[in-house]
Amino acid sequence: MRKDIAQSIAYAQESVLAGRRLSDAFKDKKHLYSGIMIKIIEAGEKTGTLDKSMQDMSDYMDYQVSGMLKTLTSLLEPIMLVLMATLVGGMMMSIISPIYGMISNVGGR
C-alpha cells in the first residue's frame, strides 16, 4: 500500500510538472484516495486556496483518525477487562484447588 501511494505521489508530481492539475492526477489513481479528498483538492485549485484546502483536509483526516482511535480504545477496555478477569480467575483456581484437595484429604482420615 505504501508503495502504491508513493508511486501515485510521484505520478502526481510528474503530472503537475507536465502542466496538468493535481486533482486530475489524483483522479487517475482514485482507488487510493477518497472522493472527498479529490473534491477538496479540486476546489482549492479552482479558488486558488490549495494550501488552505490541504490544511482543512489534514484537520478533517486528523479528526477522523482521532475518532476511530477513541472508538477503538473504548471497545478495547471491556475486552481487556474480561481477559484480565479470566486470567486472574484462572490463577486463583490453580492456587485454591490444590489447597481444597489437601483439606479434603486431611478431613477424610
N, C-alpha and C. Protein backbone atom coordinates (compact mmCIF):
# COMPACT_ATOMS: atom_id res chain seq x y z
N MET A 1 0.83 -1.20 0.00
CA MET A 1 0.00 0.00 0.00
C MET A 1 0.87 1.26 0.00
N ARG A 2 1.93 1.27 0.84
CA ARG A 2 2.80 2.44 0.88
C ARG A 2 3.47 2.67 -0.47
N LYS A 3 3.84 1.57 -1.12
CA LYS A 3 4.50 1.67 -2.41
C LYS A 3 3.54 2.26 -3.44
N ASP A 4 2.27 1.85 -3.39
CA ASP A 4 1.28 2.39 -4.32
C ASP A 4 1.09 3.89 -4.12
N ILE A 5 1.03 4.32 -2.86
CA ILE A 5 0.85 5.74 -2.57
C ILE A 5 2.08 6.53 -3.00
N ALA A 6 3.27 5.99 -2.73
CA ALA A 6 4.50 6.68 -3.14
C ALA A 6 4.55 6.81 -4.66
N GLN A 7 4.13 5.77 -5.37
CA GLN A 7 4.12 5.82 -6.83
C GLN A 7 3.08 6.82 -7.33
N SER A 8 1.93 6.89 -6.66
CA SER A 8 0.90 7.84 -7.10
C SER A 8 1.33 9.28 -6.84
N ILE A 9 2.07 9.52 -5.76
CA ILE A 9 2.57 10.87 -5.49
C ILE A 9 3.62 11.25 -6.53
N ALA A 10 4.47 10.30 -6.88
CA ALA A 10 5.47 10.57 -7.93
C ALA A 10 4.77 10.83 -9.26
N TYR A 11 3.70 10.08 -9.52
CA TYR A 11 2.92 10.31 -10.74
C TYR A 11 2.28 11.69 -10.72
N ALA A 12 1.75 12.09 -9.55
CA ALA A 12 1.14 13.41 -9.43
C ALA A 12 2.17 14.51 -9.66
N GLN A 13 3.38 14.31 -9.15
CA GLN A 13 4.44 15.29 -9.35
C GLN A 13 4.78 15.42 -10.83
N GLU A 14 4.91 14.30 -11.51
CA GLU A 14 5.20 14.34 -12.94
C GLU A 14 4.06 14.99 -13.71
N SER A 15 2.85 14.68 -13.29
CA SER A 15 1.67 15.24 -13.95
C SER A 15 1.60 16.75 -13.79
N VAL A 16 1.89 17.24 -12.59
CA VAL A 16 1.85 18.68 -12.34
C VAL A 16 2.97 19.38 -13.12
N LEU A 17 4.14 18.76 -13.14
CA LEU A 17 5.25 19.34 -13.91
C LEU A 17 4.94 19.37 -15.41
N ALA A 18 4.09 18.45 -15.85
CA ALA A 18 3.69 18.42 -17.26
C ALA A 18 2.57 19.42 -17.56
N GLY A 19 2.04 20.09 -16.53
CA GLY A 19 1.04 21.12 -16.75
C GLY A 19 -0.38 20.70 -16.42
N ARG A 20 -0.59 19.50 -15.94
CA ARG A 20 -1.94 19.06 -15.56
C ARG A 20 -2.24 19.51 -14.14
N ARG A 21 -3.51 19.42 -13.78
CA ARG A 21 -3.92 19.79 -12.43
C ARG A 21 -3.65 18.64 -11.46
N LEU A 22 -3.40 18.98 -10.22
CA LEU A 22 -3.14 17.99 -9.19
C LEU A 22 -4.34 17.08 -8.98
N SER A 23 -5.52 17.65 -9.01
CA SER A 23 -6.73 16.84 -8.81
C SER A 23 -6.91 15.83 -9.93
N ASP A 24 -6.53 16.19 -11.15
CA ASP A 24 -6.63 15.24 -12.25
C ASP A 24 -5.68 14.06 -12.05
N ALA A 25 -4.50 14.34 -11.52
CA ALA A 25 -3.55 13.26 -11.26
C ALA A 25 -4.08 12.32 -10.18
N PHE A 26 -4.73 12.88 -9.16
CA PHE A 26 -5.30 12.03 -8.12
C PHE A 26 -6.54 11.29 -8.61
N LYS A 27 -7.28 11.89 -9.55
CA LYS A 27 -8.44 11.20 -10.12
C LYS A 27 -8.00 9.96 -10.90
N ASP A 28 -6.83 10.03 -11.53
CA ASP A 28 -6.33 8.86 -12.26
C ASP A 28 -6.04 7.70 -11.31
N LYS A 29 -5.73 8.01 -10.07
CA LYS A 29 -5.43 6.98 -9.06
C LYS A 29 -6.48 7.00 -7.96
N LYS A 30 -7.75 7.17 -8.33
CA LYS A 30 -8.80 7.37 -7.33
C LYS A 30 -9.07 6.15 -6.46
N HIS A 31 -8.55 4.98 -6.82
CA HIS A 31 -8.73 3.83 -5.95
C HIS A 31 -7.89 3.93 -4.68
N LEU A 32 -6.95 4.86 -4.65
CA LEU A 32 -6.11 5.06 -3.47
C LEU A 32 -6.59 6.21 -2.58
N TYR A 33 -7.36 7.11 -3.13
CA TYR A 33 -7.76 8.32 -2.40
C TYR A 33 -9.28 8.41 -2.33
N SER A 34 -9.77 8.99 -1.25
CA SER A 34 -11.21 9.15 -1.09
C SER A 34 -11.73 10.24 -2.03
N GLY A 35 -12.99 10.14 -2.35
CA GLY A 35 -13.61 11.11 -3.24
C GLY A 35 -13.62 12.51 -2.67
N ILE A 36 -13.84 12.62 -1.36
CA ILE A 36 -13.87 13.94 -0.74
C ILE A 36 -12.50 14.61 -0.81
N MET A 37 -11.45 13.82 -0.71
CA MET A 37 -10.11 14.37 -0.79
C MET A 37 -9.85 14.97 -2.16
N ILE A 38 -10.25 14.26 -3.20
CA ILE A 38 -10.07 14.75 -4.56
C ILE A 38 -10.90 16.01 -4.80
N LYS A 39 -12.14 16.02 -4.27
CA LYS A 39 -13.00 17.19 -4.46
C LYS A 39 -12.46 18.41 -3.73
N ILE A 40 -11.89 18.21 -2.54
CA ILE A 40 -11.32 19.34 -1.79
C ILE A 40 -10.12 19.91 -2.53
N ILE A 41 -9.27 19.03 -3.07
CA ILE A 41 -8.11 19.50 -3.84
C ILE A 41 -8.58 20.25 -5.08
N GLU A 42 -9.60 19.73 -5.73
CA GLU A 42 -10.13 20.39 -6.93
C GLU A 42 -10.69 21.76 -6.60
N ALA A 43 -11.44 21.86 -5.50
CA ALA A 43 -11.99 23.16 -5.10
C ALA A 43 -10.89 24.13 -4.74
N GLY A 44 -9.85 23.65 -4.06
CA GLY A 44 -8.72 24.51 -3.71
C GLY A 44 -8.00 25.03 -4.94
N GLU A 45 -7.89 24.21 -5.98
CA GLU A 45 -7.24 24.65 -7.21
C GLU A 45 -8.07 25.71 -7.92
N LYS A 46 -9.39 25.51 -7.91
CA LYS A 46 -10.26 26.46 -8.60
C LYS A 46 -10.30 27.82 -7.91
N THR A 47 -10.26 27.80 -6.57
CA THR A 47 -10.35 29.06 -5.83
C THR A 47 -8.99 29.69 -5.56
N GLY A 48 -7.92 28.95 -5.81
CA GLY A 48 -6.59 29.48 -5.57
C GLY A 48 -6.15 29.39 -4.12
N THR A 49 -6.85 28.57 -3.35
CA THR A 49 -6.50 28.40 -1.94
C THR A 49 -6.17 26.94 -1.65
N LEU A 50 -5.31 26.38 -2.47
CA LEU A 50 -4.97 24.97 -2.32
C LEU A 50 -4.29 24.70 -0.98
N ASP A 51 -3.47 25.64 -0.52
CA ASP A 51 -2.80 25.43 0.76
C ASP A 51 -3.79 25.36 1.91
N LYS A 52 -4.79 26.25 1.91
CA LYS A 52 -5.82 26.23 2.96
C LYS A 52 -6.67 24.98 2.83
N SER A 53 -6.98 24.60 1.61
CA SER A 53 -7.78 23.38 1.41
C SER A 53 -7.05 22.15 1.91
N MET A 54 -5.76 22.08 1.64
CA MET A 54 -4.96 20.95 2.12
C MET A 54 -4.89 20.95 3.64
N GLN A 55 -4.77 22.12 4.26
CA GLN A 55 -4.76 22.21 5.73
C GLN A 55 -6.10 21.76 6.30
N ASP A 56 -7.21 22.20 5.68
CA ASP A 56 -8.53 21.78 6.13
C ASP A 56 -8.70 20.27 5.99
N MET A 57 -8.19 19.73 4.90
CA MET A 57 -8.28 18.29 4.69
C MET A 57 -7.45 17.55 5.74
N SER A 58 -6.29 18.09 6.07
CA SER A 58 -5.45 17.49 7.10
C SER A 58 -6.16 17.50 8.45
N ASP A 59 -6.81 18.60 8.78
CA ASP A 59 -7.57 18.68 10.03
C ASP A 59 -8.71 17.67 10.05
N TYR A 60 -9.41 17.55 8.92
CA TYR A 60 -10.52 16.60 8.82
C TYR A 60 -10.04 15.17 9.00
N MET A 61 -8.94 14.82 8.34
CA MET A 61 -8.40 13.46 8.45
C MET A 61 -7.92 13.20 9.88
N ASP A 62 -7.31 14.19 10.51
CA ASP A 62 -6.87 14.06 11.90
C ASP A 62 -8.06 13.82 12.81
N TYR A 63 -9.16 14.55 12.57
CA TYR A 63 -10.39 14.36 13.34
C TYR A 63 -10.94 12.95 13.16
N GLN A 64 -10.93 12.46 11.92
CA GLN A 64 -11.42 11.12 11.63
C GLN A 64 -10.58 10.06 12.34
N VAL A 65 -9.27 10.18 12.28
CA VAL A 65 -8.39 9.21 12.91
C VAL A 65 -8.55 9.26 14.43
N SER A 66 -8.66 10.45 14.99
CA SER A 66 -8.86 10.58 16.43
C SER A 66 -10.15 9.91 16.87
N GLY A 67 -11.21 10.10 16.09
CA GLY A 67 -12.49 9.46 16.40
C GLY A 67 -12.41 7.94 16.33
N MET A 68 -11.72 7.43 15.32
CA MET A 68 -11.57 5.98 15.20
C MET A 68 -10.75 5.40 16.36
N LEU A 69 -9.68 6.11 16.74
CA LEU A 69 -8.86 5.64 17.86
C LEU A 69 -9.64 5.68 19.17
N LYS A 70 -10.45 6.71 19.35
CA LYS A 70 -11.26 6.81 20.56
C LYS A 70 -12.25 5.66 20.63
N THR A 71 -12.88 5.34 19.49
CA THR A 71 -13.82 4.22 19.44
C THR A 71 -13.11 2.91 19.71
N LEU A 72 -11.94 2.73 19.11
CA LEU A 72 -11.17 1.50 19.30
C LEU A 72 -10.78 1.31 20.75
N THR A 73 -10.30 2.37 21.38
CA THR A 73 -9.90 2.23 22.78
C THR A 73 -11.10 1.99 23.69
N SER A 74 -12.24 2.58 23.39
CA SER A 74 -13.42 2.34 24.22
C SER A 74 -13.93 0.91 24.04
N LEU A 75 -13.71 0.31 22.88
CA LEU A 75 -14.07 -1.10 22.68
C LEU A 75 -13.04 -2.04 23.29
N LEU A 76 -11.81 -1.59 23.33
CA LEU A 76 -10.73 -2.43 23.84
C LEU A 76 -10.77 -2.56 25.35
N GLU A 77 -11.27 -1.56 26.05
CA GLU A 77 -11.31 -1.59 27.51
C GLU A 77 -12.12 -2.77 28.06
N PRO A 78 -13.36 -2.99 27.61
CA PRO A 78 -14.11 -4.14 28.15
C PRO A 78 -13.48 -5.48 27.78
N ILE A 79 -12.89 -5.56 26.59
CA ILE A 79 -12.25 -6.81 26.18
C ILE A 79 -11.06 -7.11 27.09
N MET A 80 -10.27 -6.11 27.38
CA MET A 80 -9.13 -6.29 28.28
C MET A 80 -9.59 -6.63 29.70
N LEU A 81 -10.70 -6.04 30.13
CA LEU A 81 -11.23 -6.32 31.46
C LEU A 81 -11.64 -7.79 31.58
N VAL A 82 -12.34 -8.30 30.59
CA VAL A 82 -12.76 -9.71 30.59
C VAL A 82 -11.54 -10.62 30.53
N LEU A 83 -10.57 -10.28 29.70
CA LEU A 83 -9.35 -11.08 29.60
C LEU A 83 -8.60 -11.12 30.92
N MET A 84 -8.43 -9.99 31.56
CA MET A 84 -7.73 -9.94 32.84
C MET A 84 -8.50 -10.70 33.92
N ALA A 85 -9.84 -10.57 33.93
CA ALA A 85 -10.64 -11.29 34.92
C ALA A 85 -10.49 -12.80 34.72
N THR A 86 -10.45 -13.25 33.46
CA THR A 86 -10.27 -14.67 33.18
C THR A 86 -8.89 -15.14 33.64
N LEU A 87 -7.86 -14.37 33.36
CA LEU A 87 -6.52 -14.75 33.79
C LEU A 87 -6.39 -14.79 35.32
N VAL A 88 -6.91 -13.78 35.98
CA VAL A 88 -6.83 -13.74 37.45
C VAL A 88 -7.66 -14.87 38.04
N GLY A 89 -8.83 -15.12 37.50
CA GLY A 89 -9.66 -16.23 37.99
C GLY A 89 -8.98 -17.58 37.79
N GLY A 90 -8.33 -17.75 36.66
CA GLY A 90 -7.59 -19.00 36.41
C GLY A 90 -6.45 -19.18 37.38
N MET A 91 -5.71 -18.10 37.66
CA MET A 91 -4.63 -18.19 38.63
C MET A 91 -5.16 -18.50 40.03
N MET A 92 -6.27 -17.88 40.40
CA MET A 92 -6.85 -18.13 41.72
C MET A 92 -7.29 -19.59 41.84
N MET A 93 -7.89 -20.11 40.78
CA MET A 93 -8.33 -21.51 40.81
C MET A 93 -7.14 -22.46 40.88
N SER A 94 -6.05 -22.12 40.18
CA SER A 94 -4.88 -23.00 40.22
C SER A 94 -4.21 -22.99 41.58
N ILE A 95 -4.38 -21.94 42.35
CA ILE A 95 -3.81 -21.87 43.69
C ILE A 95 -4.76 -22.49 44.71
N ILE A 96 -6.04 -22.21 44.61
CA ILE A 96 -7.01 -22.65 45.61
C ILE A 96 -7.38 -24.13 45.45
N SER A 97 -7.43 -24.66 44.25
CA SER A 97 -7.82 -26.06 44.04
C SER A 97 -6.92 -27.04 44.79
N PRO A 98 -5.60 -26.91 44.71
CA PRO A 98 -4.77 -27.84 45.49
C PRO A 98 -4.99 -27.70 47.01
N ILE A 99 -5.26 -26.50 47.47
CA ILE A 99 -5.50 -26.30 48.91
C ILE A 99 -6.76 -27.03 49.33
N TYR A 100 -7.84 -26.92 48.54
CA TYR A 100 -9.08 -27.63 48.84
C TYR A 100 -8.86 -29.14 48.77
N GLY A 101 -8.01 -29.58 47.82
CA GLY A 101 -7.70 -31.03 47.75
C GLY A 101 -6.99 -31.51 48.99
N MET A 102 -6.06 -30.73 49.50
CA MET A 102 -5.33 -31.11 50.71
C MET A 102 -6.25 -31.12 51.92
N ILE A 103 -7.16 -30.13 52.00
CA ILE A 103 -8.10 -30.06 53.13
C ILE A 103 -9.02 -31.27 53.12
N SER A 104 -9.49 -31.66 51.93
CA SER A 104 -10.40 -32.82 51.86
C SER A 104 -9.66 -34.11 52.22
N ASN A 105 -8.38 -34.23 51.88
CA ASN A 105 -7.59 -35.41 52.26
C ASN A 105 -7.36 -35.46 53.77
N VAL A 106 -7.10 -34.32 54.37
CA VAL A 106 -6.86 -34.27 55.83
C VAL A 106 -8.16 -34.56 56.58
N GLY A 107 -9.24 -33.99 56.11
CA GLY A 107 -10.52 -34.17 56.77
C GLY A 107 -11.07 -35.57 56.59
N GLY A 108 -10.69 -36.29 55.54
CA GLY A 108 -11.21 -37.62 55.26
C GLY A 108 -10.56 -38.71 56.09
N ARG A 109 -9.48 -38.50 56.76
CA ARG A 109 -8.79 -39.53 57.55
C ARG A 109 -9.40 -39.73 58.87
